[in-house]
Protein backbone atom coordinates (compact mmCIF):
# COMPACT_ATOMS: atom_id res chain seq x y z
CA UNK A 1 0.00 0.00 0.00
CA UNK A 2 1.37 3.39 -0.88
CA UNK A 3 1.81 6.49 1.23
CA UNK A 4 -1.64 7.79 0.32
CA UNK A 5 -3.22 4.48 1.33
CA UNK A 6 -1.41 4.55 4.68
CA UNK A 7 -2.66 8.07 5.25
CA UNK A 8 -6.30 7.14 4.66
CA UNK A 9 -5.91 3.96 6.69
CA UNK A 10 -4.58 6.03 9.60
CA UNK A 11 -7.74 8.15 9.56
CA UNK A 12 -9.99 5.15 10.22
CA UNK A 13 -11.04 5.04 13.88
CA UNK A 14 -10.04 2.22 16.23
CA UNK A 15 -7.06 0.67 14.49
CA UNK A 16 -4.25 2.50 16.26
CA UNK A 17 -2.64 -0.63 17.71
CA UNK A 18 -2.86 -2.50 14.42
CA UNK A 19 -1.46 0.47 12.52
CA UNK A 20 1.43 0.86 14.95
CA UNK A 21 2.23 -2.84 14.77
CA UNK A 22 2.35 -2.92 10.98
CA UNK A 23 3.57 0.51 9.97
CA UNK A 24 6.27 0.86 12.64
CA UNK A 25 7.36 -2.76 12.91
CA UNK A 26 11.08 -3.06 13.60
CA UNK A 27 11.48 0.61 14.52
CA UNK A 28 12.40 2.00 17.91
CA UNK A 29 9.57 3.83 19.64
CA UNK A 30 9.97 7.46 20.63
CA UNK A 31 9.82 6.66 24.35
CA UNK A 32 12.41 3.86 23.98
CA UNK A 33 14.66 6.21 22.02
CA UNK A 34 14.34 8.93 24.66
CA UNK A 35 15.16 6.46 27.44
CA UNK A 36 18.20 5.17 25.52
CA UNK A 37 19.45 8.72 24.91
CA UNK A 38 19.00 9.53 28.61
CA UNK A 39 21.03 6.46 29.61
CA UNK A 40 23.78 7.21 27.09
CA UNK A 41 23.97 10.83 28.22
CA UNK A 42 25.05 9.78 31.69
CA UNK A 43 28.14 8.07 30.31
CA UNK A 44 29.04 10.52 27.59
CA UNK A 45 32.08 12.17 29.19
CA UNK A 46 33.58 9.33 31.20
CA UNK A 47 36.78 9.19 29.16
CA UNK A 48 37.33 12.92 29.36
CA UNK A 49 36.65 12.98 33.11
CA UNK A 50 39.08 10.10 33.65
CA UNK A 51 41.78 11.93 31.68
CA UNK A 52 41.26 15.11 33.69
CA UNK A 53 41.47 13.17 36.94
CA UNK A 54 44.69 11.46 35.86
CA UNK A 55 46.24 14.78 34.82
CA UNK A 56 45.35 16.29 38.19
CA UNK A 57 46.86 13.30 39.98
CA UNK A 58 50.10 13.59 37.96
CA UNK A 59 50.40 17.32 38.73
CA UNK A 60 49.73 16.67 42.40
CA UNK A 61 52.46 14.00 42.56
CA UNK A 62 54.95 16.33 40.87
CA UNK A 63 54.13 19.06 43.38
CA UNK A 64 54.68 16.62 46.25
CA UNK A 65 58.08 15.62 44.86
CA UNK A 66 59.27 19.21 44.33
CA UNK A 67 58.02 20.66 47.55
CA UNK A 68 55.45 23.36 48.31
CA UNK A 69 57.68 26.34 47.45
CA UNK A 70 58.83 25.28 43.98
CA UNK A 71 58.04 27.68 41.11
CA UNK A 72 58.92 26.81 37.53
CA UNK A 73 61.27 29.21 35.73
CA UNK A 74 59.65 31.61 33.33
C-alpha atoms as a PDB file:
ATOM      1  CA  UNK A   1       0.000   0.000   0.000  1.00  0.00           C
ATOM      2  CA  UNK A   2       1.375   3.389  -0.876  1.00  0.00           C
ATOM      3  CA  UNK A   3       1.807   6.488   1.229  1.00  0.00           C
ATOM      4  CA  UNK A   4      -1.637   7.787   0.319  1.00  0.00           C
ATOM      5  CA  UNK A   5      -3.220   4.477   1.329  1.00  0.00           C
ATOM      6  CA  UNK A   6      -1.413   4.553   4.676  1.00  0.00           C
ATOM      7  CA  UNK A   7      -2.664   8.073   5.247  1.00  0.00           C
ATOM      8  CA  UNK A   8      -6.302   7.143   4.656  1.00  0.00           C
ATOM      9  CA  UNK A   9      -5.914   3.962   6.690  1.00  0.00           C
ATOM     10  CA  UNK A  10      -4.575   6.035   9.598  1.00  0.00           C
ATOM     11  CA  UNK A  11      -7.743   8.147   9.561  1.00  0.00           C
ATOM     12  CA  UNK A  12      -9.988   5.146  10.219  1.00  0.00           C
ATOM     13  CA  UNK A  13     -11.041   5.038  13.877  1.00  0.00           C
ATOM     14  CA  UNK A  14     -10.038   2.224  16.227  1.00  0.00           C
ATOM     15  CA  UNK A  15      -7.058   0.668  14.487  1.00  0.00           C
ATOM     16  CA  UNK A  16      -4.255   2.502  16.258  1.00  0.00           C
ATOM     17  CA  UNK A  17      -2.635  -0.632  17.705  1.00  0.00           C
ATOM     18  CA  UNK A  18      -2.856  -2.498  14.418  1.00  0.00           C
ATOM     19  CA  UNK A  19      -1.463   0.472  12.517  1.00  0.00           C
ATOM     20  CA  UNK A  20       1.431   0.861  14.952  1.00  0.00           C
ATOM     21  CA  UNK A  21       2.226  -2.845  14.775  1.00  0.00           C
ATOM     22  CA  UNK A  22       2.349  -2.920  10.984  1.00  0.00           C
ATOM     23  CA  UNK A  23       3.573   0.509   9.973  1.00  0.00           C
ATOM     24  CA  UNK A  24       6.267   0.864  12.636  1.00  0.00           C
ATOM     25  CA  UNK A  25       7.363  -2.760  12.913  1.00  0.00           C
ATOM     26  CA  UNK A  26      11.076  -3.060  13.604  1.00  0.00           C
ATOM     27  CA  UNK A  27      11.480   0.608  14.515  1.00  0.00           C
ATOM     28  CA  UNK A  28      12.402   2.004  17.912  1.00  0.00           C
ATOM     29  CA  UNK A  29       9.568   3.828  19.636  1.00  0.00           C
ATOM     30  CA  UNK A  30       9.972   7.461  20.633  1.00  0.00           C
ATOM     31  CA  UNK A  31       9.824   6.658  24.349  1.00  0.00           C
ATOM     32  CA  UNK A  32      12.405   3.864  23.981  1.00  0.00           C
ATOM     33  CA  UNK A  33      14.657   6.207  22.021  1.00  0.00           C
ATOM     34  CA  UNK A  34      14.339   8.929  24.663  1.00  0.00           C
ATOM     35  CA  UNK A  35      15.162   6.457  27.441  1.00  0.00           C
ATOM     36  CA  UNK A  36      18.203   5.175  25.522  1.00  0.00           C
ATOM     37  CA  UNK A  37      19.453   8.717  24.908  1.00  0.00           C
ATOM     38  CA  UNK A  38      19.001   9.529  28.607  1.00  0.00           C
ATOM     39  CA  UNK A  39      21.032   6.462  29.610  1.00  0.00           C
ATOM     40  CA  UNK A  40      23.778   7.212  27.085  1.00  0.00           C
ATOM     41  CA  UNK A  41      23.966  10.832  28.219  1.00  0.00           C
ATOM     42  CA  UNK A  42      25.046   9.783  31.694  1.00  0.00           C
ATOM     43  CA  UNK A  43      28.139   8.067  30.314  1.00  0.00           C
ATOM     44  CA  UNK A  44      29.038  10.520  27.586  1.00  0.00           C
ATOM     45  CA  UNK A  45      32.075  12.171  29.193  1.00  0.00           C
ATOM     46  CA  UNK A  46      33.577   9.333  31.199  1.00  0.00           C
ATOM     47  CA  UNK A  47      36.783   9.191  29.160  1.00  0.00           C
ATOM     48  CA  UNK A  48      37.327  12.921  29.364  1.00  0.00           C
ATOM     49  CA  UNK A  49      36.649  12.984  33.111  1.00  0.00           C
ATOM     50  CA  UNK A  50      39.084  10.101  33.650  1.00  0.00           C
ATOM     51  CA  UNK A  51      41.778  11.931  31.682  1.00  0.00           C
ATOM     52  CA  UNK A  52      41.258  15.113  33.686  1.00  0.00           C
ATOM     53  CA  UNK A  53      41.472  13.165  36.942  1.00  0.00           C
ATOM     54  CA  UNK A  54      44.692  11.463  35.864  1.00  0.00           C
ATOM     55  CA  UNK A  55      46.239  14.783  34.825  1.00  0.00           C
ATOM     56  CA  UNK A  56      45.346  16.294  38.189  1.00  0.00           C
ATOM     57  CA  UNK A  57      46.864  13.297  39.978  1.00  0.00           C
ATOM     58  CA  UNK A  58      50.096  13.586  37.961  1.00  0.00           C
ATOM     59  CA  UNK A  59      50.396  17.321  38.725  1.00  0.00           C
ATOM     60  CA  UNK A  60      49.727  16.665  42.404  1.00  0.00           C
ATOM     61  CA  UNK A  61      52.459  13.999  42.562  1.00  0.00           C
ATOM     62  CA  UNK A  62      54.952  16.332  40.872  1.00  0.00           C
ATOM     63  CA  UNK A  63      54.126  19.064  43.382  1.00  0.00           C
ATOM     64  CA  UNK A  64      54.676  16.617  46.250  1.00  0.00           C
ATOM     65  CA  UNK A  65      58.084  15.623  44.856  1.00  0.00           C
ATOM     66  CA  UNK A  66      59.273  19.212  44.325  1.00  0.00           C
ATOM     67  CA  UNK A  67      58.015  20.663  47.553  1.00  0.00           C
ATOM     68  CA  UNK A  68      55.451  23.359  48.305  1.00  0.00           C
ATOM     69  CA  UNK A  69      57.680  26.343  47.446  1.00  0.00           C
ATOM     70  CA  UNK A  70      58.830  25.277  43.980  1.00  0.00           C
ATOM     71  CA  UNK A  71      58.036  27.682  41.114  1.00  0.00           C
ATOM     72  CA  UNK A  72      58.922  26.807  37.525  1.00  0.00           C
ATOM     73  CA  UNK A  73      61.272  29.209  35.729  1.00  0.00           C
ATOM     74  CA  UNK A  74      59.651  31.614  33.331  1.00  0.00           C
END
